[in-house]
Protein backbone atom coordinates (compact mmCIF):
# COMPACT_ATOMS: atom_id res chain seq x y z
CA MET A 1 222.39 269.67 -29.82
CA ASP A 2 220.73 266.37 -30.87
CA TYR A 3 222.59 263.68 -32.77
CA THR A 4 221.56 260.47 -34.50
CA TYR A 5 224.01 257.71 -34.29
CA VAL A 6 224.76 254.26 -35.80
CA GLY A 7 227.26 251.99 -34.14
CA TYR A 8 227.92 248.59 -32.87
CA THR A 9 228.44 247.09 -29.47
CA LYS A 10 231.29 244.76 -27.97
CA ASP A 11 229.10 241.94 -29.33
CA LYS A 12 229.10 243.36 -32.92
CA GLU A 13 225.45 244.04 -32.74
CA ILE A 14 224.19 247.21 -34.47
CA ALA A 15 222.81 249.86 -32.29
CA LYS A 16 220.94 252.91 -33.55
CA GLY A 17 219.36 255.98 -31.61
CA ARG A 18 219.53 259.56 -30.85
CA LEU A 19 221.03 261.53 -28.06
CA SER A 20 221.77 265.10 -26.83
CA ALA A 21 225.34 266.35 -26.51
CA THR A 22 227.23 269.66 -26.41
CA SER A 23 229.48 268.55 -29.47
CA GLU A 24 230.33 265.76 -31.68
CA GLU A 25 233.21 264.87 -29.48
CA ALA A 26 231.09 264.86 -26.38
CA ALA A 27 228.53 262.53 -28.13
CA ILE A 28 231.31 260.24 -29.23
CA ASP A 29 232.51 260.19 -25.59
CA ILE A 30 228.99 259.33 -24.35
CA LEU A 31 228.65 256.34 -26.76
CA ALA A 32 232.10 255.03 -25.99
CA ASN A 33 231.51 255.24 -22.33
CA VAL A 34 228.82 252.54 -22.74
CA GLY A 35 230.91 250.49 -25.12
CA TYR A 36 229.59 251.63 -28.43
CA SER A 37 231.94 252.07 -31.58
CA VAL A 38 230.50 254.86 -33.67
CA ILE A 39 229.92 254.14 -37.48
CA SER A 40 227.93 257.21 -38.19
CA LEU A 41 227.07 260.32 -36.09
CA LYS A 42 224.95 263.20 -37.57
CA PRO A 43 223.47 266.39 -36.12
CA VAL A 44 219.90 266.68 -36.15
CA THR A 45 219.15 270.04 -38.06
CA ARG A 46 216.25 272.15 -36.92
CA PHE A 47 214.80 275.08 -38.91
CA LEU A 48 212.89 276.44 -35.87
CA PRO A 49 213.62 276.47 -32.23
CA ASP A 50 212.56 273.36 -30.11
CA PHE A 51 209.67 275.18 -28.44
CA ASP A 52 208.73 272.08 -26.64
CA LYS A 53 211.88 272.09 -24.66
CA LEU A 54 211.76 275.81 -24.07
CA LEU A 55 208.32 275.48 -22.66
CA GLN A 56 208.99 272.30 -20.58
CA ALA A 57 208.56 272.62 -16.91
CA LYS A 58 211.79 272.14 -14.66
CA VAL A 59 211.89 269.08 -12.70
CA LYS A 60 212.75 270.09 -9.02
CA PRO A 61 215.96 268.91 -7.57
CA ALA A 62 214.13 267.20 -4.88
CA GLU A 63 212.33 265.00 -7.37
CA ILE A 64 215.69 263.87 -8.94
CA ILE A 65 217.07 263.19 -5.46
CA THR A 66 214.16 261.01 -4.56
CA PHE A 67 214.28 259.23 -7.84
CA SER A 68 217.96 258.43 -7.53
CA ARG A 69 217.62 257.10 -3.97
CA GLN A 70 214.56 255.02 -4.93
CA LEU A 71 216.10 253.64 -8.01
CA ALA A 72 219.31 252.63 -6.07
CA LEU A 73 217.12 250.88 -3.52
CA LEU A 74 215.24 248.85 -6.01
CA LEU A 75 218.22 247.82 -7.95
CA GLU A 76 219.81 246.71 -4.70
CA SER A 77 216.64 244.61 -4.14
CA GLY A 78 217.21 242.80 -7.32
CA VAL A 79 214.43 244.51 -9.33
CA GLY A 80 215.35 244.88 -13.04
CA ILE A 81 216.08 248.30 -14.32
CA VAL A 82 213.05 248.58 -16.52
CA GLN A 83 210.76 247.22 -13.76
CA SER A 84 212.21 249.69 -11.29
CA LEU A 85 211.60 252.60 -13.73
CA GLU A 86 208.00 251.49 -14.24
CA LEU A 87 207.50 251.53 -10.54
CA LEU A 88 209.10 254.95 -10.09
CA GLN A 89 207.13 256.30 -13.15
CA GLY A 90 203.96 255.19 -11.53
CA GLN A 91 204.45 256.97 -8.23
CA ALA A 92 206.34 260.23 -9.56
CA GLY A 93 204.55 263.29 -8.54
CA ASP A 94 206.14 265.51 -11.31
CA LYS A 95 204.43 265.25 -14.72
CA GLN A 96 207.55 266.23 -16.58
CA LEU A 97 209.62 263.44 -14.78
CA LYS A 98 206.84 260.99 -15.43
CA LYS A 99 207.08 261.83 -19.23
CA VAL A 100 210.77 261.47 -19.24
CA LEU A 101 210.82 258.21 -17.54
CA ILE A 102 208.29 256.75 -20.08
CA GLU A 103 210.79 257.78 -22.85
CA VAL A 104 213.74 256.40 -21.02
CA MET A 105 211.97 253.22 -20.54
CA ALA A 106 211.21 253.05 -24.38
CA ASP A 107 214.77 253.52 -25.15
CA LEU A 108 215.79 250.85 -22.71
CA ARG A 109 213.50 248.39 -24.40
CA GLY A 110 214.87 249.47 -27.66
CA GLY A 111 218.39 248.25 -26.48
CA ASN A 112 220.08 251.50 -25.41
CA SER A 113 221.82 251.73 -22.17
CA LEU A 114 220.52 253.87 -19.21
CA SER A 115 223.16 256.56 -19.63
CA ILE A 116 222.31 256.87 -23.41
CA ALA A 117 218.63 257.12 -22.51
CA LEU A 118 219.31 259.83 -19.93
CA ALA A 119 221.52 261.75 -22.36
CA LYS A 120 218.54 262.43 -24.33
CA HIS A 121 217.12 264.62 -21.53
CA PRO A 122 219.84 267.07 -20.57
CA GLN A 123 217.14 269.50 -19.19
CA VAL A 124 216.56 266.86 -16.44
CA PHE A 125 219.86 265.00 -16.05
CA SER A 126 223.05 266.84 -16.01
CA LYS A 127 226.29 265.81 -17.85
CA ILE A 128 227.80 264.79 -14.58
CA TYR A 129 224.64 262.68 -13.79
CA GLN A 130 224.80 260.86 -17.23
CA LYS A 131 228.50 260.18 -17.11
CA MET A 132 228.31 258.92 -13.53
CA VAL A 133 225.48 256.61 -14.57
CA GLY A 134 227.57 255.38 -17.62
CA VAL A 135 230.51 254.72 -15.23
CA GLY A 136 228.23 252.77 -12.78
CA GLU A 137 227.00 250.65 -15.60
CA GLN A 138 230.42 249.83 -16.73
CA THR A 139 231.85 248.93 -13.19
CA GLY A 140 228.63 247.21 -11.98
CA ALA A 141 228.28 249.80 -9.21
CA LEU A 142 225.23 251.73 -10.37
CA GLU A 143 223.54 251.51 -6.95
CA GLY A 144 226.36 253.25 -5.24
CA VAL A 145 226.65 255.80 -7.87
CA LEU A 146 223.13 256.80 -7.67
CA ARG A 147 223.46 257.24 -3.92
CA SER A 148 226.55 259.59 -4.40
CA LEU A 149 224.58 261.60 -7.00
CA ALA A 150 221.63 261.98 -4.65
CA ASP A 151 223.92 263.15 -1.72
CA TYR A 152 225.55 265.58 -4.21
CA ALA A 153 222.31 267.06 -5.42
CA GLU A 154 220.88 267.26 -1.82
CA ARG A 155 223.77 269.36 -0.76
CA GLU A 156 223.37 271.57 -3.76
CA SER A 157 219.56 271.89 -3.12
CA GLY A 158 220.05 272.63 0.56
CA THR A 159 222.28 275.61 -0.12
CA ILE A 160 219.94 277.18 -2.67
CA THR A 161 217.03 276.55 -0.27
CA LYS A 162 218.85 278.42 2.60
CA LEU A 163 219.82 281.35 0.31
CA LYS A 164 216.14 281.77 -0.74
CA ARG A 165 214.89 281.61 2.86
CA ALA A 166 217.34 284.28 4.00
CA LEU A 167 216.46 286.64 1.23
CA THR A 168 212.64 286.31 1.61
CA TYR A 169 212.32 288.72 4.62
CA PRO A 170 214.38 291.67 3.20
CA LEU A 171 212.46 291.38 -0.12
CA ILE A 172 209.06 291.55 1.75
CA VAL A 173 210.19 294.61 3.64
CA PHE A 174 211.43 296.24 0.57
CA SER A 175 208.18 295.58 -1.32
CA LEU A 176 206.12 297.09 1.61
CA ALA A 177 208.34 300.13 1.88
CA LEU A 178 207.99 300.81 -1.82
CA VAL A 179 204.21 300.43 -1.63
CA VAL A 180 204.18 303.00 1.29
CA VAL A 181 206.41 305.36 -0.69
CA VAL A 182 204.26 305.20 -3.73
CA ILE A 183 201.13 305.96 -1.73
CA LEU A 184 202.66 308.88 0.20
CA VAL A 185 203.94 310.49 -3.06
CA THR A 186 200.88 309.89 -5.19
CA VAL A 187 198.04 310.36 -2.52
CA ALA A 188 199.28 312.42 0.48
CA LEU A 189 201.73 314.93 -1.30
CA PRO A 190 199.51 316.61 -4.05
CA PRO A 191 196.86 317.98 -1.89
CA ILE A 192 199.32 319.22 0.74
CA ILE A 193 201.39 320.98 -1.94
CA GLY A 194 198.25 322.44 -3.44
CA MET A 195 197.04 323.84 -0.24
CA PHE A 196 200.45 325.31 0.79
CA THR A 197 201.10 327.01 -2.59
CA SER A 198 197.51 328.48 -2.48
CA LEU A 199 198.46 330.10 0.82
CA GLY A 200 201.44 331.87 -0.78
CA GLY A 201 204.02 329.79 1.22
CA GLU A 202 207.55 328.94 -0.28
CA LEU A 203 208.25 325.17 -0.40
CA PRO A 204 211.22 323.86 1.57
CA ILE A 205 214.28 322.50 -0.32
CA THR A 206 213.42 318.72 0.50
CA THR A 207 209.94 319.19 -1.00
CA LYS A 208 211.38 321.01 -4.19
CA ALA A 209 213.88 318.13 -4.67
CA LEU A 210 211.24 315.53 -4.25
CA LEU A 211 208.98 317.41 -6.74
CA ALA A 212 211.86 317.74 -9.25
CA LEU A 213 212.42 313.97 -8.99
CA ILE A 214 208.74 313.15 -9.53
CA ASP A 215 208.65 315.69 -12.43
CA PHE A 216 211.65 313.89 -13.94
CA ILE A 217 210.15 310.51 -13.61
CA THR A 218 206.82 311.61 -15.08
CA ASN A 219 208.39 313.27 -18.02
CA TYR A 220 211.40 311.12 -18.73
CA GLY A 221 210.53 307.84 -16.79
CA LEU A 222 209.40 305.87 -19.85
CA TYR A 223 212.46 306.81 -21.85
CA LEU A 224 214.71 306.00 -18.93
CA LEU A 225 213.05 302.59 -18.48
CA LEU A 226 213.24 301.82 -22.29
CA THR A 227 217.06 302.81 -22.17
CA LEU A 228 217.86 300.60 -19.27
CA MET A 229 215.79 297.68 -20.79
CA GLY A 230 217.68 298.16 -24.00
CA LEU A 231 221.08 298.31 -22.26
CA GLY A 232 219.95 295.24 -20.27
CA ALA A 233 219.01 293.25 -23.25
CA VAL A 234 222.18 294.13 -25.04
CA GLY A 235 224.22 293.17 -21.89
CA TYR A 236 222.26 289.96 -21.66
CA ILE A 237 222.85 288.98 -25.19
CA TYR A 238 226.50 289.78 -24.94
CA SER A 239 226.93 287.87 -21.75
CA LYS A 240 225.62 284.85 -23.55
CA SER A 241 228.50 284.81 -26.09
CA PRO A 242 231.70 283.12 -25.26
CA THR A 243 233.61 286.40 -24.77
CA GLY A 244 230.84 288.10 -22.86
CA HIS A 245 230.33 285.07 -20.71
CA TYR A 246 234.01 285.03 -19.75
CA ILE A 247 234.23 288.78 -19.07
CA ARG A 248 231.09 288.62 -16.86
CA ASP A 249 232.42 285.75 -14.80
CA MET A 250 235.83 287.44 -14.45
CA LEU A 251 234.34 290.60 -13.31
CA MET A 252 232.25 288.66 -10.79
CA LEU A 253 235.42 287.13 -9.30
CA LYS A 254 236.83 290.55 -8.77
CA LEU A 255 233.90 292.00 -6.88
CA PRO A 256 234.83 293.09 -3.20
CA VAL A 257 232.39 290.86 -1.37
CA LEU A 258 230.76 288.48 -3.81
CA GLY A 259 233.98 287.64 -5.56
CA ARG A 260 235.54 285.57 -2.88
CA LEU A 261 232.13 283.92 -2.18
CA SER A 262 231.64 283.06 -5.93
CA LEU A 263 235.14 281.65 -6.13
CA VAL A 264 235.04 279.34 -3.14
CA THR A 265 231.49 278.16 -4.06
CA GLU A 266 232.64 277.18 -7.42
CA LEU A 267 235.77 275.57 -6.23
CA ALA A 268 233.76 273.56 -3.76
CA HIS A 269 231.64 272.31 -6.56
CA CYS A 270 234.86 271.39 -8.64
CA CYS A 271 236.37 269.41 -5.65
CA ARG A 272 233.10 267.42 -5.12
CA ASN A 273 232.76 266.72 -8.80
CA ILE A 274 236.54 265.58 -9.15
CA SER A 275 236.15 263.46 -6.11
CA LEU A 276 232.94 261.81 -7.22
CA LEU A 277 234.34 260.96 -10.60
CA PHE A 278 237.73 259.92 -9.31
CA ARG A 279 236.15 257.49 -6.87
CA SER A 280 234.16 255.92 -9.88
CA GLY A 281 237.46 255.05 -11.54
CA LEU A 282 237.58 257.73 -14.30
CA PRO A 283 240.97 258.77 -15.65
CA LEU A 284 242.00 262.40 -14.41
CA PRO A 285 242.28 263.97 -17.80
CA GLU A 286 238.58 262.78 -18.64
CA ILE A 287 237.56 264.02 -15.16
CA MET A 288 238.92 267.54 -15.78
CA THR A 289 237.10 267.73 -19.15
CA LEU A 290 233.73 267.00 -17.42
CA VAL A 291 234.23 269.19 -14.53
CA ALA A 292 235.12 271.98 -16.85
CA GLN A 293 232.03 271.38 -18.71
CA ALA A 294 230.02 271.39 -15.58
CA SER A 295 231.52 274.48 -14.15
CA SER A 296 229.21 277.61 -14.31
CA ASN A 297 232.09 280.06 -14.34
CA ARG A 298 234.01 280.36 -17.50
CA VAL A 299 237.20 281.54 -15.82
CA VAL A 300 237.34 278.53 -13.64
CA ALA A 301 236.35 276.25 -16.58
CA LYS A 302 239.20 277.71 -18.74
CA ALA A 303 241.77 277.10 -15.88
CA LEU A 304 240.58 273.57 -15.60
CA GLY A 305 241.06 272.97 -19.38
CA GLU A 306 244.53 274.33 -18.94
CA VAL A 307 245.25 272.16 -16.14
CA GLU A 308 244.07 269.14 -18.33
CA GLN A 309 246.46 270.19 -21.11
CA ASP A 310 249.39 270.27 -18.54
CA MET A 311 248.36 266.98 -17.21
CA LEU A 312 248.64 265.36 -20.46
CA LYS A 313 252.12 266.56 -20.60
CA GLY A 314 252.91 264.63 -17.50
CA GLU A 315 253.03 267.42 -14.93
CA GLY A 316 250.40 266.01 -12.67
CA LEU A 317 247.57 267.75 -11.07
CA ALA A 318 248.68 270.02 -8.15
CA GLY A 319 251.63 271.49 -10.18
CA PRO A 320 249.45 272.87 -13.14
CA MET A 321 246.93 274.09 -10.44
CA ARG A 322 249.62 276.13 -8.73
CA LYS A 323 250.32 278.09 -11.91
CA ARG A 324 246.83 279.44 -11.99
CA ARG A 325 245.70 282.01 -9.39
CA VAL A 326 242.11 280.95 -9.64
CA PHE A 327 242.91 277.86 -7.62
CA LEU A 328 243.38 278.80 -3.94
CA PRO A 329 246.31 277.57 -1.87
CA LEU A 330 244.33 275.18 0.27
CA MET A 331 243.00 273.40 -2.84
CA VAL A 332 246.48 273.12 -4.32
CA GLU A 333 248.20 271.81 -1.18
CA MET A 334 245.52 269.30 -0.51
CA THR A 335 245.49 268.06 -3.99
CA LYS A 336 249.39 267.53 -3.74
CA ILE A 337 248.74 265.59 -0.63
CA GLY A 338 246.07 263.65 -2.25
CA GLU A 339 248.34 262.68 -5.13
CA GLU A 340 251.22 261.71 -3.02
CA THR A 341 249.17 259.45 -0.69
CA GLY A 342 246.75 258.21 -3.32
CA ASN A 343 243.77 259.45 -1.45
CA LEU A 344 242.82 262.34 -3.92
CA ASP A 345 239.08 261.85 -3.56
CA GLY A 346 239.22 261.84 0.30
CA THR A 347 241.43 265.02 0.38
CA LEU A 348 239.28 267.04 -2.23
CA ILE A 349 236.10 266.15 -0.10
CA THR A 350 237.80 267.64 2.92
CA VAL A 351 238.61 270.74 0.67
CA ALA A 352 235.07 270.89 -0.52
CA GLU A 353 233.66 270.77 3.07
CA ASN A 354 235.98 273.62 3.99
CA TYR A 355 235.05 275.80 1.04
CA GLU A 356 231.46 275.14 1.83
CA ILE A 357 231.71 276.11 5.45
CA GLU A 358 233.57 279.33 4.34
CA ALA A 359 230.91 280.09 1.57
CA ASP A 360 228.04 279.50 4.16
CA ASN A 361 229.68 281.73 6.73
CA ARG A 362 230.26 284.49 4.20
CA THR A 363 226.80 284.08 2.94
CA GLN A 364 225.35 284.48 6.42
CA THR A 365 227.35 287.40 7.03
CA MET A 366 226.47 289.15 3.85
CA LEU A 367 222.70 288.35 4.45
CA SER A 368 223.09 289.76 8.02
CA MET A 369 224.44 293.04 6.70
CA ILE A 370 221.57 293.34 4.11
CA GLU A 371 218.86 293.72 6.79
CA PRO A 372 220.56 296.73 8.72
CA VAL A 373 221.73 298.26 5.44
CA MET A 374 218.28 298.14 3.83
CA THR A 375 216.72 299.35 7.07
CA ILE A 376 218.91 302.46 7.13
CA ALA A 377 218.34 303.11 3.54
CA LEU A 378 214.63 302.75 3.66
CA GLY A 379 214.60 304.92 6.97
CA LEU A 380 216.43 307.62 5.06
CA GLY A 381 214.17 307.50 2.12
CA VAL A 382 210.96 307.46 3.96
CA GLY A 383 212.32 310.19 6.29
CA PHE A 384 213.18 312.30 3.39
CA ILE A 385 209.64 311.93 1.86
CA ALA A 386 208.10 312.50 5.30
CA LEU A 387 209.98 315.73 5.76
CA SER A 388 208.99 316.72 2.30
CA ILE A 389 205.27 316.33 3.23
CA PHE A 390 205.16 317.26 6.89
CA ILE A 391 207.15 320.59 6.70
CA PRO A 392 204.70 322.05 4.21
CA MET A 393 201.83 320.74 6.36
CA TYR A 394 203.02 322.43 9.43
CA SER A 395 203.89 325.66 7.50
CA SER A 396 200.40 325.69 6.09
CA LEU A 397 198.99 325.65 9.60
CA SER A 398 201.20 328.59 10.57
CA LEU A 399 200.15 330.41 7.58
CA VAL A 400 196.44 329.88 8.24
CA GLY A 401 196.98 330.79 11.94
CA GLY A 402 198.78 333.99 10.78
């Protein structure tokens, strides 16, 4: 949601502007992070959806990675923040990023900080990104923070890219097989069946089954499709509600193969986020709030929120984690070691790397299983259709010969 704010800086200067945040508390946190004391904060009410945002093209992760690294390099070279953004805006290859950088520069010239300016574009810069930039501004380590954010985004992007590449071949094979099946059923089968029945032959059971399936799809396929689409729409809408999203994520974690993969992937993200924020000097309760907001799994996010509440009671971090089954033993034990040695960011990075290796191995195993399973399934399907076509064909030849 968008908010308009009025506040004052540490130098007692009035500051006005607009930012995007998930709630009023989040907006106040963002402003406090850059040293603004809030006088007034009002939500911007909309009577219609913001179609501009809905239609905006997504900025590719590679663009954000390049932007972060180049901005860090320019700042280290002594170039001012506005001048750096002007240079990057001029050479940016993404039109959407160009537009966003123009707006960010306008906000900076208007007296806003970089983190406040970035917070107005949550579709491009995530909450973690905004918060880390704010921390970098406060601590004077913005260049290092930008490099850390670029490294983090690069890992995320690399994982997604590998997954897409691995799925490309099975999808191509499936699509080609589907085209072949459709051609066989619609072009080759009808004339053969017509010839066979005209000769007085009895259709084999495989052909009868195939014809019954085709007849069912012809008569009821549209209704079946509409029913499935309706159920899918209802399920999608329900999954967007807080309860539905939680149930969906809980079921995802309980799936036989995907459950463990989903959990270790999510915990790896959490460990990296905690390490990144802890290294920047943020207090742990605030870190847990941010990591919970950034989590894509509501079960994990709820557990992180509960851990934060126990931390505020003075129970530390590892102890509350041990009470929740969603946090795996390796993460709990390494967190305990990190708390005892004062090296929490280092131990959590180790945990994240271990979970990432496990997730990568499980993903490769799953993908290596997809190809033979798909080959067997396609072979059985095409074989069934081939039998349904060729048996009547050979039977027709015998009838003609007889």
